Structure formats: structure tokens, C-alpha cells
Amino acid sequence: MRAQQARPRFHNECSESVVGDRHHLRADVGRLALPRAEVAERLGRSVATVRRLEGSKLHPKISARGTRLFDPGEVDALAREVQETGRALSPTDRTVPQEDRPSWEEYDELQEQVDMLRAENRDLATELQDAHSRADAAQSQLSKLRHAVRRWAGDMDQACALLIQADTDQLQELALEALAAVPDEVPS
């Protein structure tokens, strides 16, 4: 009889946990885990909205089959929050309590820092643009130099060929002169 192999399990980046399937998750939370479609139905939103909320408002676990499964308690708490506040669901929606909100003075200081950072960013962008212009000019010069070197190399090849041809012509002339100087008959 063949030994039963364990099914592969997937790793969830959001919650750093591994689960087998939705029935396995039941042991973790005491209730059957919910797939996206059921979560969307409970929240009265689309599946796309549920996807956008993953990792911020909802923290699914991934089953061995790759299905995202949600804790019903977390889903119900989010549904109650939406119903009580009457606010729309947004992954970036973070309400900050009044005591944690910055004062106007702190806000002004932060705004000044933001303005300084933007000015620095503009300066850096200008420097970067100048550097790109200088690099383009250098690239153009390099291209011209390469072209000149290629032209020079071609001229050198042509000059060498002419020299070789000139040497060959001179040798031929000398050989003809030597042959002309040889008597027709050789003394015995």
C-alpha cells in the first residue's frame, strides 16, 4: 500500500501562515473560512473591492489549492464598522482619533518640510536633466570620434594596399629588366 503524501501547502505573504483548506481553517477560528465571493456578499461589495482590501482591512490565508480564505470574524467586524460609520470601504481608509491628529502648528511645520523636500527634488531633477544633456553631448562626440577612426582605418587599409601594389609593380619591373639582361644563349 502506498504511503499517503501530504498535499503541498502555499505560503501567504500577508499573514505569514499556511493552511490546508477551508475546513482546516475551521480549527483555527472555530468557523468555516469564507472564500472571496462570500466575503463580497457579506460586505455588500464586489469581489474586486474584496481583492483591494486584502492585506489592509482583510487578511486572508491561502489554502493548499491557492484559494484565499477569510476569517468570518474579521469579515463580520469589518461589515459592522462599515454599517456603524456609514463610510465606504477603502484600503487606504484610516481614521485617526482626534488626540492623535497633529496640531495646526505641527501641520505647518510638516508642510514646510514637504515644501523644502519638493524644492530639493526640483533641484535634483534639474541636475539630473543637466547630467543627461552632458551625457548626450559626450555620446555624440564619441560617435563622431568612432566615425573618424573608422574612416582613418579605411584610409590606412587603402594606403597599405597601394604600397603593396607599388612594391609588386617595382619587383615586376626589376624582374623584367633582369630577364632582358640575360643573354639568349648561355655560353657552354
C-alpha atoms as a PDB file:
ATOM      1  CA  MET A   1       0.000   0.000   0.000  1.00  0.00           C
ATOM      2  CA  ARG A   2       1.343   3.391  -0.989  1.00  0.00           C
ATOM      3  CA  ALA A   3       2.057   5.914   1.749  1.00  0.00           C
ATOM      4  CA  GLN A   4      -0.266   8.883   1.558  1.00  0.00           C
ATOM      5  CA  GLN A   5       1.622  12.034   0.577  1.00  0.00           C
ATOM      6  CA  ALA A   6       0.840  15.349   2.211  1.00  0.00           C
ATOM      7  CA  ARG A   7      -0.710  17.903  -0.143  1.00  0.00           C
ATOM      8  CA  PRO A   8       1.505  20.866  -0.975  1.00  0.00           C
ATOM      9  CA  ARG A   9       0.770  23.963   1.030  1.00  0.00           C
ATOM     10  CA  PHE A  10       1.042  27.568  -0.083  1.00  0.00           C
ATOM     11  CA  HIS A  11       2.669  30.392   1.823  1.00  0.00           C
ATOM     12  CA  ASN A  12       0.628  33.552   2.410  1.00  0.00           C
ATOM     13  CA  GLU A  13       2.673  36.746   2.176  1.00  0.00           C
ATOM     14  CA  CYS A  14       0.025  38.764   4.031  1.00  0.00           C
ATOM     15  CA  SER A  15      -0.454  36.757   7.202  1.00  0.00           C
ATOM     16  CA  GLU A  16       2.709  34.621   7.212  1.00  0.00           C
ATOM     17  CA  SER A  17       0.648  31.452   7.767  1.00  0.00           C
ATOM     18  CA  VAL A  18      -0.005  28.252   5.886  1.00  0.00           C
ATOM     19  CA  VAL A  19      -3.314  26.402   5.849  1.00  0.00           C
ATOM     20  CA  GLY A  20      -4.588  23.247   4.161  1.00  0.00           C
ATOM     21  CA  ASP A  21      -8.112  24.108   3.071  1.00  0.00           C
ATOM     22  CA  ARG A  22     -11.176  25.922   4.330  1.00  0.00           C
ATOM     23  CA  HIS A  23     -12.068  23.004   6.639  1.00  0.00           C
ATOM     24  CA  HIS A  24      -8.565  23.097   8.150  1.00  0.00           C
ATOM     25  CA  LEU A  25      -9.016  26.795   8.882  1.00  0.00           C
ATOM     26  CA  ARG A  26     -12.185  25.922  10.794  1.00  0.00           C
ATOM     27  CA  ALA A  27      -9.996  24.508  13.575  1.00  0.00           C
ATOM     28  CA  ASP A  28      -8.091  27.797  13.722  1.00  0.00           C
ATOM     29  CA  VAL A  29     -11.079  30.121  14.080  1.00  0.00           C
ATOM     30  CA  GLY A  30     -13.928  27.827  15.104  1.00  0.00           C
ATOM     31  CA  ARG A  31     -15.943  28.645  11.971  1.00  0.00           C
ATOM     32  CA  LEU A  32     -15.723  27.729   8.338  1.00  0.00           C
ATOM     33  CA  ALA A  33     -13.470  30.117   6.411  1.00  0.00           C
ATOM     34  CA  LEU A  34     -15.047  32.221   3.658  1.00  0.00           C
ATOM     35  CA  PRO A  35     -13.965  32.492   0.022  1.00  0.00           C
ATOM     36  CA  ARG A  36     -13.888  35.911  -1.701  1.00  0.00           C
ATOM     37  CA  ALA A  37     -17.350  35.620  -3.237  1.00  0.00           C
ATOM     38  CA  GLU A  38     -18.988  35.045   0.150  1.00  0.00           C
ATOM     39  CA  VAL A  39     -16.988  37.888   1.708  1.00  0.00           C
ATOM     40  CA  ALA A  40     -18.149  40.209  -1.083  1.00  0.00           C
ATOM     41  CA  GLU A  41     -21.755  39.146  -0.477  1.00  0.00           C
ATOM     42  CA  ARG A  42     -21.499  39.720   3.292  1.00  0.00           C
ATOM     43  CA  LEU A  43     -19.978  43.170   2.798  1.00  0.00           C
ATOM     44  CA  GLY A  44     -22.349  44.082   0.008  1.00  0.00           C
ATOM     45  CA  ARG A  45     -19.406  44.900  -2.259  1.00  0.00           C
ATOM     46  CA  SER A  46     -17.794  43.439  -5.368  1.00  0.00           C
ATOM     47  CA  VAL A  47     -15.103  40.759  -5.443  1.00  0.00           C
ATOM     48  CA  ALA A  48     -12.729  43.414  -6.856  1.00  0.00           C
ATOM     49  CA  THR A  49     -13.282  45.525  -3.721  1.00  0.00           C
ATOM     50  CA  VAL A  50     -12.510  42.493  -1.552  1.00  0.00           C
ATOM     51  CA  ARG A  51      -9.254  41.996  -3.509  1.00  0.00           C
ATOM     52  CA  ARG A  52      -8.280  45.634  -2.902  1.00  0.00           C
ATOM     53  CA  LEU A  53      -8.931  45.235   0.833  1.00  0.00           C
ATOM     54  CA  GLU A  54      -6.650  42.207   1.139  1.00  0.00           C
ATOM     55  CA  GLY A  55      -3.581  42.987   3.196  1.00  0.00           C
ATOM     56  CA  SER A  56      -5.022  46.194   4.663  1.00  0.00           C
ATOM     57  CA  LYS A  57      -8.511  45.567   6.082  1.00  0.00           C
ATOM     58  CA  LEU A  58      -8.767  41.831   5.370  1.00  0.00           C
ATOM     59  CA  HIS A  59      -6.030  39.272   5.941  1.00  0.00           C
ATOM     60  CA  PRO A  60      -6.797  36.017   4.147  1.00  0.00           C
ATOM     61  CA  LYS A  61      -4.956  32.768   4.475  1.00  0.00           C
ATOM     62  CA  ILE A  62      -4.094  30.855   1.323  1.00  0.00           C
ATOM     63  CA  SER A  63      -5.230  27.256   1.031  1.00  0.00           C
ATOM     64  CA  ALA A  64      -3.229  24.415  -0.478  1.00  0.00           C
ATOM     65  CA  ARG A  65      -5.210  24.967  -3.685  1.00  0.00           C
ATOM     66  CA  GLY A  66      -4.312  28.662  -3.781  1.00  0.00           C
ATOM     67  CA  THR A  67      -7.751  29.891  -2.680  1.00  0.00           C
ATOM     68  CA  ARG A  68      -7.810  32.874  -0.354  1.00  0.00           C
ATOM     69  CA  LEU A  69      -9.877  32.121   2.720  1.00  0.00           C
ATOM     70  CA  PHE A  70     -11.097  34.781   5.123  1.00  0.00           C
ATOM     71  CA  ASP A  71     -11.813  34.663   8.838  1.00  0.00           C
ATOM     72  CA  PRO A  72     -15.579  35.166   9.268  1.00  0.00           C
ATOM     73  CA  GLY A  73     -14.980  37.116  12.496  1.00  0.00           C
ATOM     74  CA  GLU A  74     -12.754  39.627  10.685  1.00  0.00           C
ATOM     75  CA  VAL A  75     -15.295  39.936   7.864  1.00  0.00           C
ATOM     76  CA  ASP A  76     -18.184  40.475  10.297  1.00  0.00           C
ATOM     77  CA  ALA A  77     -16.203  43.094  12.241  1.00  0.00           C
ATOM     78  CA  LEU A  78     -15.484  44.983   9.027  1.00  0.00           C
ATOM     79  CA  ALA A  79     -19.135  44.775   7.993  1.00  0.00           C
ATOM     80  CA  ARG A  80     -20.214  46.187  11.398  1.00  0.00           C
ATOM     81  CA  GLU A  81     -17.637  49.006  11.122  1.00  0.00           C
ATOM     82  CA  VAL A  82     -18.942  49.970   7.691  1.00  0.00           C
ATOM     83  CA  GLN A  83     -22.537  49.826   8.886  1.00  0.00           C
ATOM     84  CA  GLU A  84     -21.854  51.873  12.049  1.00  0.00           C
ATOM     85  CA  THR A  85     -19.757  54.559  10.395  1.00  0.00           C
ATOM     86  CA  GLY A  86     -21.589  54.615   7.076  1.00  0.00           C
ATOM     87  CA  ARG A  87     -18.216  55.005   5.375  1.00  0.00           C
ATOM     88  CA  ALA A  88     -17.145  53.463   2.102  1.00  0.00           C
ATOM     89  CA  LEU A  89     -14.532  50.731   2.097  1.00  0.00           C
ATOM     90  CA  SER A  90     -11.095  51.774   1.000  1.00  0.00           C
ATOM     91  CA  PRO A  91      -7.774  50.004   1.598  1.00  0.00           C
ATOM     92  CA  THR A  92      -6.174  53.350   2.494  1.00  0.00           C
ATOM     93  CA  ASP A  93      -9.057  54.486   4.708  1.00  0.00           C
ATOM     94  CA  ARG A  94      -7.567  55.016   8.129  1.00  0.00           C
ATOM     95  CA  THR A  95      -9.467  57.098  10.617  1.00  0.00           C
ATOM     96  CA  VAL A  96      -7.135  58.827  13.065  1.00  0.00           C
ATOM     97  CA  PRO A  97      -8.501  59.617  16.533  1.00  0.00           C
ATOM     98  CA  GLN A  98      -8.667  63.333  17.367  1.00  0.00           C
ATOM     99  CA  GLU A  99      -5.965  63.087  20.054  1.00  0.00           C
ATOM    100  CA  ASP A 100      -3.540  61.545  17.532  1.00  0.00           C
ATOM    101  CA  ARG A 101      -4.096  64.231  14.893  1.00  0.00           C
ATOM    102  CA  PRO A 102      -1.339  66.856  14.573  1.00  0.00           C
ATOM    103  CA  SER A 103      -1.955  70.405  15.733  1.00  0.00           C
ATOM    104  CA  TRP A 104      -2.053  73.233  13.178  1.00  0.00           C
ATOM    105  CA  GLU A 105       1.459  74.262  14.200  1.00  0.00           C
ATOM    106  CA  GLU A 106       2.734  70.723  13.635  1.00  0.00           C
ATOM    107  CA  TYR A 107       0.869  70.633  10.351  1.00  0.00           C
ATOM    108  CA  ASP A 108       2.508  73.909   9.263  1.00  0.00           C
ATOM    109  CA  GLU A 109       5.948  72.542  10.200  1.00  0.00           C
ATOM    110  CA  LEU A 110       5.279  69.380   8.257  1.00  0.00           C
ATOM    111  CA  GLN A 111       4.068  71.408   5.294  1.00  0.00           C
ATOM    112  CA  GLU A 112       7.288  73.463   5.385  1.00  0.00           C
ATOM    113  CA  GLN A 113       9.321  70.239   5.383  1.00  0.00           C
ATOM    114  CA  VAL A 114       7.300  68.948   2.450  1.00  0.00           C
ATOM    115  CA  ASP A 115       7.870  72.217   0.573  1.00  0.00           C
ATOM    116  CA  MET A 116      11.625  72.029   1.252  1.00  0.00           C
ATOM    117  CA  LEU A 117      11.739  68.428   0.055  1.00  0.00           C
ATOM    118  CA  ARG A 118       9.851  69.382  -3.107  1.00  0.00           C
ATOM    119  CA  ALA A 119      12.314  72.225  -3.755  1.00  0.00           C
ATOM    120  CA  GLU A 120      15.241  69.820  -3.246  1.00  0.00           C
ATOM    121  CA  ASN A 121      13.528  67.364  -5.566  1.00  0.00           C
ATOM    122  CA  ARG A 122      13.174  70.068  -8.252  1.00  0.00           C
ATOM    123  CA  ASP A 123      16.864  70.966  -7.859  1.00  0.00           C
ATOM    124  CA  LEU A 124      17.882  67.334  -8.140  1.00  0.00           C
ATOM    125  CA  ALA A 125      15.657  66.913 -11.189  1.00  0.00           C
ATOM    126  CA  THR A 126      17.369  69.912 -12.818  1.00  0.00           C
ATOM    127  CA  GLU A 127      20.809  68.489 -12.013  1.00  0.00           C
ATOM    128  CA  LEU A 128      19.769  65.130 -13.412  1.00  0.00           C
ATOM    129  CA  GLN A 129      18.489  66.761 -16.584  1.00  0.00           C
ATOM    130  CA  ASP A 130      21.807  68.645 -16.957  1.00  0.00           C
ATOM    131  CA  ALA A 131      23.733  65.408 -16.437  1.00  0.00           C
ATOM    132  CA  HIS A 132      21.618  63.737 -19.122  1.00  0.00           C
ATOM    133  CA  SER A 133      22.363  66.611 -21.513  1.00  0.00           C
ATOM    134  CA  ARG A 134      26.093  66.325 -20.833  1.00  0.00           C
ATOM    135  CA  ALA A 135      25.937  62.560 -21.324  1.00  0.00           C
ATOM    136  CA  ASP A 136      24.097  63.021 -24.630  1.00  0.00           C
ATOM    137  CA  ALA A 137      26.750  65.518 -25.802  1.00  0.00           C
ATOM    138  CA  ALA A 138      29.545  63.125 -24.799  1.00  0.00           C
ATOM    139  CA  GLN A 139      27.771  60.290 -26.625  1.00  0.00           C
ATOM    140  CA  SER A 140      27.550  62.463 -29.747  1.00  0.00           C
ATOM    141  CA  GLN A 141      31.272  63.294 -29.541  1.00  0.00           C
ATOM    142  CA  LEU A 142      32.122  59.626 -29.058  1.00  0.00           C
ATOM    143  CA  SER A 143      30.060  58.715 -32.106  1.00  0.00           C
ATOM    144  CA  LYS A 144      31.901  61.326 -34.199  1.00  0.00           C
ATOM    145  CA  LEU A 145      35.273  60.003 -32.983  1.00  0.00           C
ATOM    146  CA  ARG A 146      34.306  56.422 -33.818  1.00  0.00           C
ATOM    147  CA  HIS A 147      33.285  57.513 -37.303  1.00  0.00           C
ATOM    148  CA  ALA A 148      36.597  59.371 -37.772  1.00  0.00           C
ATOM    149  CA  VAL A 149      38.592  56.334 -36.559  1.00  0.00           C
ATOM    150  CA  ARG A 150      36.713  54.047 -38.946  1.00  0.00           C
ATOM    151  CA  ARG A 151      37.366  56.453 -41.812  1.00  0.00           C
ATOM    152  CA  TRP A 152      41.072  56.698 -40.841  1.00  0.00           C
ATOM    153  CA  ALA A 153      41.330  52.890 -40.622  1.00  0.00           C
ATOM    154  CA  GLY A 154      39.801  52.610 -44.085  1.00  0.00           C
ATOM    155  CA  ASP A 155      42.268  55.176 -45.433  1.00  0.00           C
ATOM    156  CA  MET A 156      45.146  53.249 -43.823  1.00  0.00           C
ATOM    157  CA  ASP A 157      43.975  49.976 -45.371  1.00  0.00           C
ATOM    158  CA  GLN A 158      43.801  51.670 -48.751  1.00  0.00           C
ATOM    159  CA  ALA A 159      47.308  53.186 -48.327  1.00  0.00           C
ATOM    160  CA  CYS A 160      48.772  49.803 -47.344  1.00  0.00           C
ATOM    161  CA  ALA A 161      47.175  48.183 -50.365  1.00  0.00           C
ATOM    162  CA  LEU A 162      48.684  50.869 -52.606  1.00  0.00           C
ATOM    163  CA  LEU A 163      52.140  50.367 -51.060  1.00  0.00           C
ATOM    164  CA  ILE A 164      51.939  46.628 -51.534  1.00  0.00           C
ATOM    165  CA  GLN A 165      50.800  47.144 -55.112  1.00  0.00           C
ATOM    166  CA  ALA A 166      53.630  49.669 -55.697  1.00  0.00           C
ATOM    167  CA  ASP A 167      56.220  47.213 -54.318  1.00  0.00           C
ATOM    168  CA  THR A 168      54.796  44.466 -56.520  1.00  0.00           C
ATOM    169  CA  ASP A 169      54.962  46.702 -59.604  1.00  0.00           C
ATOM    170  CA  GLN A 170      58.585  47.639 -58.845  1.00  0.00           C
ATOM    171  CA  LEU A 171      59.549  43.977 -58.369  1.00  0.00           C
ATOM    172  CA  GLN A 172      57.935  43.097 -61.663  1.00  0.00           C
ATOM    173  CA  GLU A 173      59.890  45.870 -63.411  1.00  0.00           C
ATOM    174  CA  LEU A 174      63.189  44.705 -61.876  1.00  0.00           C
ATOM    175  CA  ALA A 175      62.467  41.110 -62.831  1.00  0.00           C
ATOM    176  CA  LEU A 176      61.713  42.126 -66.409  1.00  0.00           C
ATOM    177  CA  GLU A 177      64.940  44.164 -66.555  1.00  0.00           C
ATOM    178  CA  ALA A 178      66.911  41.205 -65.194  1.00  0.00           C
ATOM    179  CA  LEU A 179      65.353  38.884 -67.710  1.00  0.00           C
ATOM    180  CA  ALA A 180      66.116  41.324 -70.506  1.00  0.00           C
ATOM    181  CA  ALA A 181      69.764  41.408 -69.470  1.00  0.00           C
ATOM    182  CA  VAL A 182      70.103  37.637 -69.648  1.00  0.00           C
ATOM    183  CA  PRO A 183      71.655  36.641 -72.964  1.00  0.00           C
ATOM    184  CA  ASP A 184      69.621  34.494 -75.249  1.00  0.00           C
ATOM    185  CA  GLU A 185      72.265  31.906 -75.388  1.00  0.00           C
ATOM    186  CA  VAL A 186      74.138  30.661 -72.473  1.00  0.00           C
ATOM    187  CA  PRO A 187      77.899  30.030 -73.090  1.00  0.00           C
ATOM    188  CA  SER A 188      78.833  26.456 -72.566  1.00  0.00           C
END
